[in-house]
Amino acid sequence: MTTALITGSTAGIGAAFARRLAADGHNLVLVARDTKRLREQATELHDRHGIEAEVLTADLAEDKGIEAVAGRLGDRRNPVDLLINNAGFGNKGRYLDVSMADELRMLKVHCEAVLRLTSAATEAMRERGRGGVVNVASVAAFVPRGTYGASKAWVVQFTQGAARDLAGSGVRLMALCPGFVRTEFHDRAGMGTDNIPGWMWLDADKLVAAALHDLARGKTLSVPDPRYKALMGAAKLVPRGMLGAVSSRTGRKYGPQ
């Protein structure tokens, strides 16, 4: 059996990855801040699929949490074959309306943690000549839309650049860019979702299936839905200034800042 480590595993996309990978027979290392939810998740997946599910409580907004997960990824005696960097959140409010502490906390989780955990995982994977990393970004990475979009753009650029540097090593890296997914994301940020059109919502389990398919095909970027692929294609044709104005209006209406 191979082992997958998933950050932000107890809800949303992270939980969907855990369900799918457990069903496929992978042992898991489940990472989140809530120990009780982690233990409940681990027990359920073990009982349902007969896999081993390890619990690691960590807050990736803190150095101590990042170091704990990086240490587990670097354990050569119990190797991790697949890393899913999924932990993340959004802040409610426009630039300068959000406190600097909250902005820096987002960058810590979305950028610094992703860099440090990807590095810890791929160093060990390169030694073995195999492994994979999925860094969860967002379609917000492709439009000029505040701190959240900027942090996700960093994830995309970093992942694709690292994938090129590790080409031929047996280690695959992919940035996953979903659109709106029915998770706890918006509730945690205090964002209403009633005004988001129904056609824009994606199913987390289908998204994960498409992402794993793209990873197996060697893609370094996955936009796992035809609707969002079409939107991103159209966005490339719009002048940058106009795109910024449109994304600013829709961002305030629909998404994190």
C-alpha atoms as a PDB file:
ATOM      1  CA  MET A   1       0.000   0.000   0.000  1.00  0.00           C
ATOM      2  CA  THR A   2       1.094   3.557  -0.680  1.00  0.00           C
ATOM      3  CA  THR A   3       0.524   6.443   1.736  1.00  0.00           C
ATOM      4  CA  ALA A   4      -1.030   9.837   1.007  1.00  0.00           C
ATOM      5  CA  LEU A   5      -0.828  12.874   3.293  1.00  0.00           C
ATOM      6  CA  ILE A   6      -3.679  15.385   3.018  1.00  0.00           C
ATOM      7  CA  THR A   7      -3.735  18.798   4.681  1.00  0.00           C
ATOM      8  CA  GLY A   8      -7.121  20.278   5.487  1.00  0.00           C
ATOM      9  CA  SER A   9      -8.494  16.747   5.306  1.00  0.00           C
ATOM     10  CA  THR A  10     -11.633  17.017   7.440  1.00  0.00           C
ATOM     11  CA  ALA A  11     -13.843  19.024   5.062  1.00  0.00           C
ATOM     12  CA  GLY A  12     -14.483  19.921   1.462  1.00  0.00           C
ATOM     13  CA  ILE A  13     -11.933  19.027  -1.189  1.00  0.00           C
ATOM     14  CA  GLY A  14      -9.554  17.547   1.383  1.00  0.00           C
ATOM     15  CA  ALA A  15     -12.244  15.192   2.684  1.00  0.00           C
ATOM     16  CA  ALA A  16     -13.122  14.210  -0.893  1.00  0.00           C
ATOM     17  CA  PHE A  17      -9.477  13.331  -1.562  1.00  0.00           C
ATOM     18  CA  ALA A  18      -9.423  11.270   1.650  1.00  0.00           C
ATOM     19  CA  ARG A  19     -12.559   9.338   0.661  1.00  0.00           C
ATOM     20  CA  ARG A  20     -11.319   8.619  -2.844  1.00  0.00           C
ATOM     21  CA  LEU A  21      -7.781   7.645  -1.878  1.00  0.00           C
ATOM     22  CA  ALA A  22      -9.001   5.415   0.957  1.00  0.00           C
ATOM     23  CA  ALA A  23     -11.445   3.713  -1.415  1.00  0.00           C
ATOM     24  CA  ASP A  24      -8.528   3.121  -3.797  1.00  0.00           C
ATOM     25  CA  GLY A  25      -6.584   1.392  -0.997  1.00  0.00           C
ATOM     26  CA  HIS A  26      -4.138   4.084   0.051  1.00  0.00           C
ATOM     27  CA  ASN A  27      -3.131   4.498   3.671  1.00  0.00           C
ATOM     28  CA  LEU A  28      -3.576   8.075   4.851  1.00  0.00           C
ATOM     29  CA  VAL A  29      -2.007  10.730   7.038  1.00  0.00           C
ATOM     30  CA  LEU A  30      -4.810  13.166   7.851  1.00  0.00           C
ATOM     31  CA  VAL A  31      -3.805  16.708   8.796  1.00  0.00           C
ATOM     32  CA  ALA A  32      -6.030  19.451  10.210  1.00  0.00           C
ATOM     33  CA  ARG A  33      -6.438  21.612  13.319  1.00  0.00           C
ATOM     34  CA  ASP A  34      -9.370  19.780  14.938  1.00  0.00           C
ATOM     35  CA  THR A  35      -8.187  16.583  16.647  1.00  0.00           C
ATOM     36  CA  LYS A  36     -11.704  15.319  17.355  1.00  0.00           C
ATOM     37  CA  ARG A  37     -12.803  15.606  13.732  1.00  0.00           C
ATOM     38  CA  LEU A  38      -9.561  14.025  12.561  1.00  0.00           C
ATOM     39  CA  ARG A  39     -10.038  10.999  14.801  1.00  0.00           C
ATOM     40  CA  GLU A  40     -13.639  10.575  13.704  1.00  0.00           C
ATOM     41  CA  GLN A  41     -12.576  10.784  10.062  1.00  0.00           C
ATOM     42  CA  ALA A  42      -9.734   8.313  10.563  1.00  0.00           C
ATOM     43  CA  THR A  43     -12.016   5.803  12.278  1.00  0.00           C
ATOM     44  CA  GLU A  44     -14.667   6.058   9.581  1.00  0.00           C
ATOM     45  CA  LEU A  45     -12.203   5.585   6.714  1.00  0.00           C
ATOM     46  CA  HIS A  46     -10.446   2.699   8.467  1.00  0.00           C
ATOM     47  CA  ASP A  47     -13.716   0.905   9.215  1.00  0.00           C
ATOM     48  CA  ARG A  48     -15.135   1.448   5.734  1.00  0.00           C
ATOM     49  CA  HIS A  49     -12.071   0.712   3.605  1.00  0.00           C
ATOM     50  CA  GLY A  50      -9.691  -1.267   5.832  1.00  0.00           C
ATOM     51  CA  ILE A  51      -6.843   1.215   5.391  1.00  0.00           C
ATOM     52  CA  GLU A  52      -4.578   2.707   8.049  1.00  0.00           C
ATOM     53  CA  ALA A  53      -5.342   6.354   8.815  1.00  0.00           C
ATOM     54  CA  GLU A  54      -2.840   8.311  10.873  1.00  0.00           C
ATOM     55  CA  VAL A  55      -3.888  11.554  12.579  1.00  0.00           C
ATOM     56  CA  LEU A  56      -1.632  14.614  12.718  1.00  0.00           C
ATOM     57  CA  THR A  57      -3.034  17.737  14.368  1.00  0.00           C
ATOM     58  CA  ALA A  58      -1.332  20.860  13.006  1.00  0.00           C
ATOM     59  CA  ASP A  59      -2.085  24.513  12.349  1.00  0.00           C
ATOM     60  CA  LEU A  60      -0.255  25.493   9.161  1.00  0.00           C
ATOM     61  CA  ALA A  61      -0.481  29.164  10.083  1.00  0.00           C
ATOM     62  CA  GLU A  62       2.133  28.400  12.757  1.00  0.00           C
ATOM     63  CA  ASP A  63       5.772  27.377  12.315  1.00  0.00           C
ATOM     64  CA  LYS A  64       5.289  24.538  14.788  1.00  0.00           C
ATOM     65  CA  GLY A  65       2.482  23.077  12.686  1.00  0.00           C
ATOM     66  CA  ILE A  66       4.430  23.348   9.427  1.00  0.00           C
ATOM     67  CA  GLU A  67       7.479  21.759  11.037  1.00  0.00           C
ATOM     68  CA  ALA A  68       5.430  18.831  12.355  1.00  0.00           C
ATOM     69  CA  VAL A  69       3.996  18.043   8.927  1.00  0.00           C
ATOM     70  CA  ALA A  70       7.339  18.576   7.176  1.00  0.00           C
ATOM     71  CA  GLY A  71       8.915  16.155   9.631  1.00  0.00           C
ATOM     72  CA  ARG A  72       6.343  13.501   8.793  1.00  0.00           C
ATOM     73  CA  LEU A  73       6.869  14.029   5.062  1.00  0.00           C
ATOM     74  CA  GLY A  74      10.598  13.587   5.501  1.00  0.00           C
ATOM     75  CA  ASP A  75      10.334  10.313   7.441  1.00  0.00           C
ATOM     76  CA  ARG A  76      12.233   7.820   5.272  1.00  0.00           C
ATOM     77  CA  ARG A  77      11.086   4.836   7.353  1.00  0.00           C
ATOM     78  CA  ASN A  78       7.396   5.602   6.732  1.00  0.00           C
ATOM     79  CA  PRO A  79       7.429   7.295   3.332  1.00  0.00           C
ATOM     80  CA  VAL A  80       4.620   9.442   1.946  1.00  0.00           C
ATOM     81  CA  ASP A  81       3.988   8.728  -1.742  1.00  0.00           C
ATOM     82  CA  LEU A  82       1.414  11.444  -2.435  1.00  0.00           C
ATOM     83  CA  LEU A  83       1.042  14.890  -0.837  1.00  0.00           C
ATOM     84  CA  ILE A  84      -2.190  16.863  -1.174  1.00  0.00           C
ATOM     85  CA  ASN A  85      -1.568  20.458  -0.079  1.00  0.00           C
ATOM     86  CA  ASN A  86      -5.199  21.448   0.369  1.00  0.00           C
ATOM     87  CA  ALA A  87      -5.360  23.576   3.533  1.00  0.00           C
ATOM     88  CA  GLY A  88      -6.521  27.133   2.894  1.00  0.00           C
ATOM     89  CA  PHE A  89      -9.082  29.812   3.638  1.00  0.00           C
ATOM     90  CA  GLY A  90     -10.462  33.135   2.437  1.00  0.00           C
ATOM     91  CA  ASN A  91     -10.781  36.520   4.121  1.00  0.00           C
ATOM     92  CA  LYS A  92     -13.991  38.526   3.891  1.00  0.00           C
ATOM     93  CA  GLY A  93     -13.404  42.078   2.761  1.00  0.00           C
ATOM     94  CA  ARG A  94     -11.505  44.108   0.184  1.00  0.00           C
ATOM     95  CA  TYR A  95      -7.843  45.038   0.333  1.00  0.00           C
ATOM     96  CA  LEU A  96      -7.125  47.326   3.326  1.00  0.00           C
ATOM     97  CA  ASP A  97     -10.418  46.214   4.910  1.00  0.00           C
ATOM     98  CA  VAL A  98      -8.718  42.999   6.067  1.00  0.00           C
ATOM     99  CA  SER A  99      -6.211  43.215   8.917  1.00  0.00           C
ATOM    100  CA  MET A 100      -2.538  42.776   8.104  1.00  0.00           C
ATOM    101  CA  ALA A 101      -2.393  39.880  10.582  1.00  0.00           C
ATOM    102  CA  ASP A 102      -5.080  38.011   8.630  1.00  0.00           C
ATOM    103  CA  GLU A 103      -3.394  38.780   5.295  1.00  0.00           C
ATOM    104  CA  LEU A 104      -0.071  37.431   6.552  1.00  0.00           C
ATOM    105  CA  ARG A 105      -1.757  34.367   8.024  1.00  0.00           C
ATOM    106  CA  MET A 106      -3.215  33.607   4.578  1.00  0.00           C
ATOM    107  CA  LEU A 107       0.185  33.926   2.926  1.00  0.00           C
ATOM    108  CA  LYS A 108       1.667  31.663   5.614  1.00  0.00           C
ATOM    109  CA  VAL A 109      -0.843  28.896   4.826  1.00  0.00           C
ATOM    110  CA  HIS A 110      -1.173  29.353   1.058  1.00  0.00           C
ATOM    111  CA  CYS A 111       2.457  30.087   0.179  1.00  0.00           C
ATOM    112  CA  GLU A 112       5.016  29.392   2.911  1.00  0.00           C
ATOM    113  CA  ALA A 113       3.413  26.132   4.072  1.00  0.00           C
ATOM    114  CA  VAL A 114       2.998  24.935   0.483  1.00  0.00           C
ATOM    115  CA  LEU A 115       6.646  25.720  -0.277  1.00  0.00           C
ATOM    116  CA  ARG A 116       8.012  24.048   2.852  1.00  0.00           C
ATOM    117  CA  LEU A 117       5.804  20.961   2.674  1.00  0.00           C
ATOM    118  CA  THR A 118       6.318  20.466  -1.058  1.00  0.00           C
ATOM    119  CA  SER A 119      10.072  20.730  -0.530  1.00  0.00           C
ATOM    120  CA  ALA A 120      10.069  18.238   2.342  1.00  0.00           C
ATOM    121  CA  ALA A 121       7.963  15.772   0.366  1.00  0.00           C
ATOM    122  CA  THR A 122       9.741  16.007  -2.981  1.00  0.00           C
ATOM    123  CA  GLU A 123      13.227  15.730  -1.489  1.00  0.00           C
ATOM    124  CA  ALA A 124      12.307  12.341  -0.034  1.00  0.00           C
ATOM    125  CA  MET A 125      10.379  11.331  -3.171  1.00  0.00           C
ATOM    126  CA  ARG A 126      13.284  12.183  -5.474  1.00  0.00           C
ATOM    127  CA  GLU A 127      15.542   9.890  -3.456  1.00  0.00           C
ATOM    128  CA  ARG A 128      13.073   7.029  -4.072  1.00  0.00           C
ATOM    129  CA  GLY A 129      12.490   7.990  -7.701  1.00  0.00           C
ATOM    130  CA  ARG A 130       8.722   8.254  -7.382  1.00  0.00           C
ATOM    131  CA  GLY A 131       5.946  10.283  -5.806  1.00  0.00           C
ATOM    132  CA  GLY A 132       3.407  12.999  -6.452  1.00  0.00           C
ATOM    133  CA  VAL A 133       2.254  16.360  -5.106  1.00  0.00           C
ATOM    134  CA  VAL A 134      -1.063  18.116  -5.724  1.00  0.00           C
ATOM    135  CA  ASN A 135      -1.127  21.752  -4.635  1.00  0.00           C
ATOM    136  CA  VAL A 136      -4.689  23.044  -4.492  1.00  0.00           C
ATOM    137  CA  ALA A 137      -4.909  26.530  -5.991  1.00  0.00           C
ATOM    138  CA  SER A 138      -7.986  28.136  -7.601  1.00  0.00           C
ATOM    139  CA  VAL A 139      -9.256  29.612 -10.854  1.00  0.00           C
ATOM    140  CA  ALA A 140      -8.870  32.893  -8.941  1.00  0.00           C
ATOM    141  CA  ALA A 141      -5.163  32.505  -9.760  1.00  0.00           C
ATOM    142  CA  PHE A 142      -5.847  33.594 -13.331  1.00  0.00           C
ATOM    143  CA  VAL A 143      -7.598  36.886 -12.682  1.00  0.00           C
ATOM    144  CA  PRO A 144      -6.356  40.033 -10.887  1.00  0.00           C
ATOM    145  CA  ARG A 145      -8.322  39.702  -7.682  1.00  0.00           C
ATOM    146  CA  GLY A 146      -6.683  40.698  -4.413  1.00  0.00           C
ATOM    147  CA  THR A 147      -4.627  38.744  -1.927  1.00  0.00           C
ATOM    148  CA  TYR A 148      -6.450  35.441  -2.291  1.00  0.00           C
ATOM    149  CA  GLY A 149      -6.018  35.306  -6.053  1.00  0.00           C
ATOM    150  CA  ALA A 150      -2.409  36.485  -5.751  1.00  0.00           C
ATOM    151  CA  SER A 151      -1.575  33.728  -3.275  1.00  0.00           C
ATOM    152  CA  LYS A 152      -3.142  31.115  -5.539  1.00  0.00           C
ATOM    153  CA  ALA A 153      -1.293  32.511  -8.561  1.00  0.00           C
ATOM    154  CA  TRP A 154       1.907  31.942  -6.599  1.00  0.00           C
ATOM    155  CA  VAL A 155       0.883  28.331  -5.976  1.00  0.00           C
ATOM    156  CA  VAL A 156       0.351  27.756  -9.710  1.00  0.00           C
ATOM    157  CA  GLN A 157       3.641  29.369 -10.767  1.00  0.00           C
ATOM    158  CA  PHE A 158       5.643  27.647  -8.040  1.00  0.00           C
ATOM    159  CA  THR A 159       4.155  24.220  -8.776  1.00  0.00           C
ATOM    160  CA  GLN A 160       4.676  24.362 -12.515  1.00  0.00           C
ATOM    161  CA  GLY A 161       8.211  25.683 -12.107  1.00  0.00           C
ATOM    162  CA  ALA A 162       9.104  22.965  -9.593  1.00  0.00           C
ATOM    163  CA  ALA A 163       7.555  20.350 -11.885  1.00  0.00           C
ATOM    164  CA  ARG A 164       9.889  21.427 -14.688  1.00  0.00           C
ATOM    165  CA  ASP A 165      12.912  21.328 -12.399  1.00  0.00           C
ATOM    166  CA  LEU A 166      12.023  17.799 -11.255  1.00  0.00           C
ATOM    167  CA  ALA A 167      11.190  16.465 -14.722  1.00  0.00           C
ATOM    168  CA  GLY A 168      12.654  13.006 -15.196  1.00  0.00           C
ATOM    169  CA  SER A 169      13.028  12.380 -11.459  1.00  0.00           C
ATOM    170  CA  GLY A 170       9.894  10.251 -11.152  1.00  0.00           C
ATOM    171  CA  VAL A 171       8.196  12.946  -9.035  1.00  0.00           C
ATOM    172  CA  ARG A 172       5.056  14.585 -10.416  1.00  0.00           C
ATOM    173  CA  LEU A 173       3.703  17.960  -9.318  1.00  0.00           C
ATOM    174  CA  MET A 174       0.374  19.458 -10.283  1.00  0.00           C
ATOM    175  CA  ALA A 175      -1.540  22.616  -9.399  1.00  0.00           C
ATOM    176  CA  LEU A 176      -5.271  21.984  -9.047  1.00  0.00           C
ATOM    177  CA  CYS A 177      -7.493  24.972  -9.875  1.00  0.00           C
ATOM    178  CA  PRO A 178     -11.159  24.432  -8.983  1.00  0.00           C
ATOM    179  CA  GLY A 179     -13.946  26.967  -9.132  1.00  0.00           C
ATOM    180  CA  PHE A 180     -16.763  27.157  -6.598  1.00  0.00           C
ATOM    181  CA  VAL A 181     -17.094  23.885  -4.672  1.00  0.00           C
ATOM    182  CA  ARG A 182     -19.734  23.110  -2.051  1.00  0.00           C
ATOM    183  CA  THR A 183     -17.583  23.009   1.086  1.00  0.00           C
ATOM    184  CA  GLU A 184     -17.268  24.833   4.418  1.00  0.00           C
ATOM    185  CA  PHE A 185     -14.961  27.397   2.807  1.00  0.00           C
ATOM    186  CA  HIS A 186     -17.439  30.247   2.440  1.00  0.00           C
ATOM    187  CA  ASP A 187     -19.183  29.633   5.766  1.00  0.00           C
ATOM    188  CA  ARG A 188     -15.873  29.798   7.634  1.00  0.00           C
ATOM    189  CA  ALA A 189     -15.069  33.119   5.963  1.00  0.00           C
ATOM    190  CA  GLY A 190     -18.537  34.491   6.704  1.00  0.00           C
ATOM    191  CA  MET A 191     -19.396  34.766   3.011  1.00  0.00           C
ATOM    192  CA  GLY A 192     -22.927  34.305   1.724  1.00  0.00           C
ATOM    193  CA  THR A 193     -23.416  31.985  -1.246  1.00  0.00           C
ATOM    194  CA  ASP A 194     -27.082  32.493  -2.117  1.00  0.00           C
ATOM    195  CA  ASN A 195     -26.204  34.779  -5.024  1.00  0.00           C
ATOM    196  CA  ILE A 196     -23.796  32.336  -6.705  1.00  0.00           C
ATOM    197  CA  PRO A 197     -25.448  30.802  -9.807  1.00  0.00           C
ATOM    198  CA  GLY A 198     -26.154  27.103  -9.550  1.00  0.00           C
ATOM    199  CA  TRP A 199     -24.194  26.251 -12.699  1.00  0.00           C
ATOM    200  CA  MET A 200     -20.968  27.548 -11.114  1.00  0.00           C
ATOM    201  CA  TRP A 201     -20.936  24.949  -8.319  1.00  0.00           C
ATOM    202  CA  LEU A 202     -18.752  21.849  -8.627  1.00  0.00           C
ATOM    203  CA  ASP A 203     -19.070  18.501  -6.868  1.00  0.00           C
ATOM    204  CA  ALA A 204     -16.020  17.792  -4.701  1.00  0.00           C
ATOM    205  CA  ASP A 205     -15.933  14.045  -5.416  1.00  0.00           C
ATOM    206  CA  LYS A 206     -16.106  14.529  -9.190  1.00  0.00           C
ATOM    207  CA  LEU A 207     -13.463  17.240  -8.962  1.00  0.00           C
ATOM    208  CA  VAL A 208     -11.091  14.908  -7.112  1.00  0.00           C
ATOM    209  CA  ALA A 209     -11.641  12.108  -9.624  1.00  0.00           C
ATOM    210  CA  ALA A 210     -10.786  14.467 -12.489  1.00  0.00           C
ATOM    211  CA  ALA A 211      -7.745  15.810 -10.626  1.00  0.00           C
ATOM    212  CA  LEU A 212      -6.288  12.362  -9.962  1.00  0.00           C
ATOM    213  CA  HIS A 213      -6.867  11.469 -13.611  1.00  0.00           C
ATOM    214  CA  ASP A 214      -4.952  14.586 -14.679  1.00  0.00           C
ATOM    215  CA  LEU A 215      -2.115  13.790 -12.260  1.00  0.00           C
ATOM    216  CA  ALA A 216      -1.833  10.257 -13.661  1.00  0.00           C
ATOM    217  CA  ARG A 217      -1.592  11.756 -17.166  1.00  0.00           C
ATOM    218  CA  GLY A 218       1.339  13.906 -16.085  1.00  0.00           C
ATOM    219  CA  LYS A 219      -0.389  17.276 -16.213  1.00  0.00           C
ATOM    220  CA  THR A 220       1.138  20.112 -14.192  1.00  0.00           C
ATOM    221  CA  LEU A 221      -2.075  22.176 -14.215  1.00  0.00           C
ATOM    222  CA  SER A 222      -5.609  20.884 -13.747  1.00  0.00           C
ATOM    223  CA  VAL A 223      -8.794  22.915 -14.246  1.00  0.00           C
ATOM    224  CA  PRO A 224     -11.095  19.935 -13.765  1.00  0.00           C
ATOM    225  CA  ASP A 225     -14.367  21.036 -15.321  1.00  0.00           C
ATOM    226  CA  PRO A 226     -15.355  22.045 -18.883  1.00  0.00           C
ATOM    227  CA  ARG A 227     -17.305  25.066 -17.634  1.00  0.00           C
ATOM    228  CA  TYR A 228     -14.317  26.611 -15.915  1.00  0.00           C
ATOM    229  CA  LYS A 229     -11.969  25.647 -18.739  1.00  0.00           C
ATOM    230  CA  ALA A 230     -14.223  27.619 -21.064  1.00  0.00           C
ATOM    231  CA  LEU A 231     -14.297  30.591 -18.673  1.00  0.00           C
ATOM    232  CA  MET A 232     -10.519  30.600 -18.336  1.00  0.00           C
ATOM    233  CA  GLY A 233     -10.136  30.392 -22.093  1.00  0.00           C
ATOM    234  CA  ALA A 234     -12.450  33.362 -22.529  1.00  0.00           C
ATOM    235  CA  ALA A 235     -10.566  35.306 -19.855  1.00  0.00           C
ATOM    236  CA  LYS A 236      -7.389  35.096 -21.946  1.00  0.00           C
ATOM    237  CA  LEU A 237      -9.135  37.036 -24.721  1.00  0.00           C
ATOM    238  CA  VAL A 238     -10.241  39.919 -22.485  1.00  0.00           C
ATOM    239  CA  PRO A 239      -7.899  42.947 -22.116  1.00  0.00           C
ATOM    240  CA  ARG A 240      -6.122  42.892 -18.740  1.00  0.00           C
ATOM    241  CA  GLY A 241      -7.615  46.187 -17.550  1.00  0.00           C
ATOM    242  CA  MET A 242     -11.141  45.112 -18.373  1.00  0.00           C
ATOM    243  CA  LEU A 243     -10.560  41.712 -16.767  1.00  0.00           C
ATOM    244  CA  GLY A 244      -9.401  43.413 -13.583  1.00  0.00           C
ATOM    245  CA  ALA A 245     -12.548  45.529 -13.411  1.00  0.00           C
ATOM    246  CA  VAL A 246     -14.829  42.553 -14.051  1.00  0.00           C
ATOM    247  CA  SER A 247     -13.043  40.290 -11.568  1.00  0.00           C
ATOM    248  CA  SER A 248     -13.168  43.025  -8.932  1.00  0.00           C
ATOM    249  CA  ARG A 249     -16.945  43.332  -9.247  1.00  0.00           C
ATOM    250  CA  THR A 250     -17.585  39.588  -9.341  1.00  0.00           C
ATOM    251  CA  GLY A 251     -15.084  38.953  -6.547  1.00  0.00           C
ATOM    252  CA  ARG A 252     -16.955  41.281  -4.210  1.00  0.00           C
ATOM    253  CA  LYS A 253     -20.188  39.617  -5.203  1.00  0.00           C
ATOM    254  CA  TYR A 254     -19.191  35.966  -5.188  1.00  0.00           C
ATOM    255  CA  GLY A 255     -15.815  35.129  -3.714  1.00  0.00           C
ATOM    256  CA  PRO A 256     -12.999  35.693  -1.236  1.00  0.00           C
ATOM    257  CA  GLN A 257     -11.009  38.878  -1.412  1.00  0.00           C
END
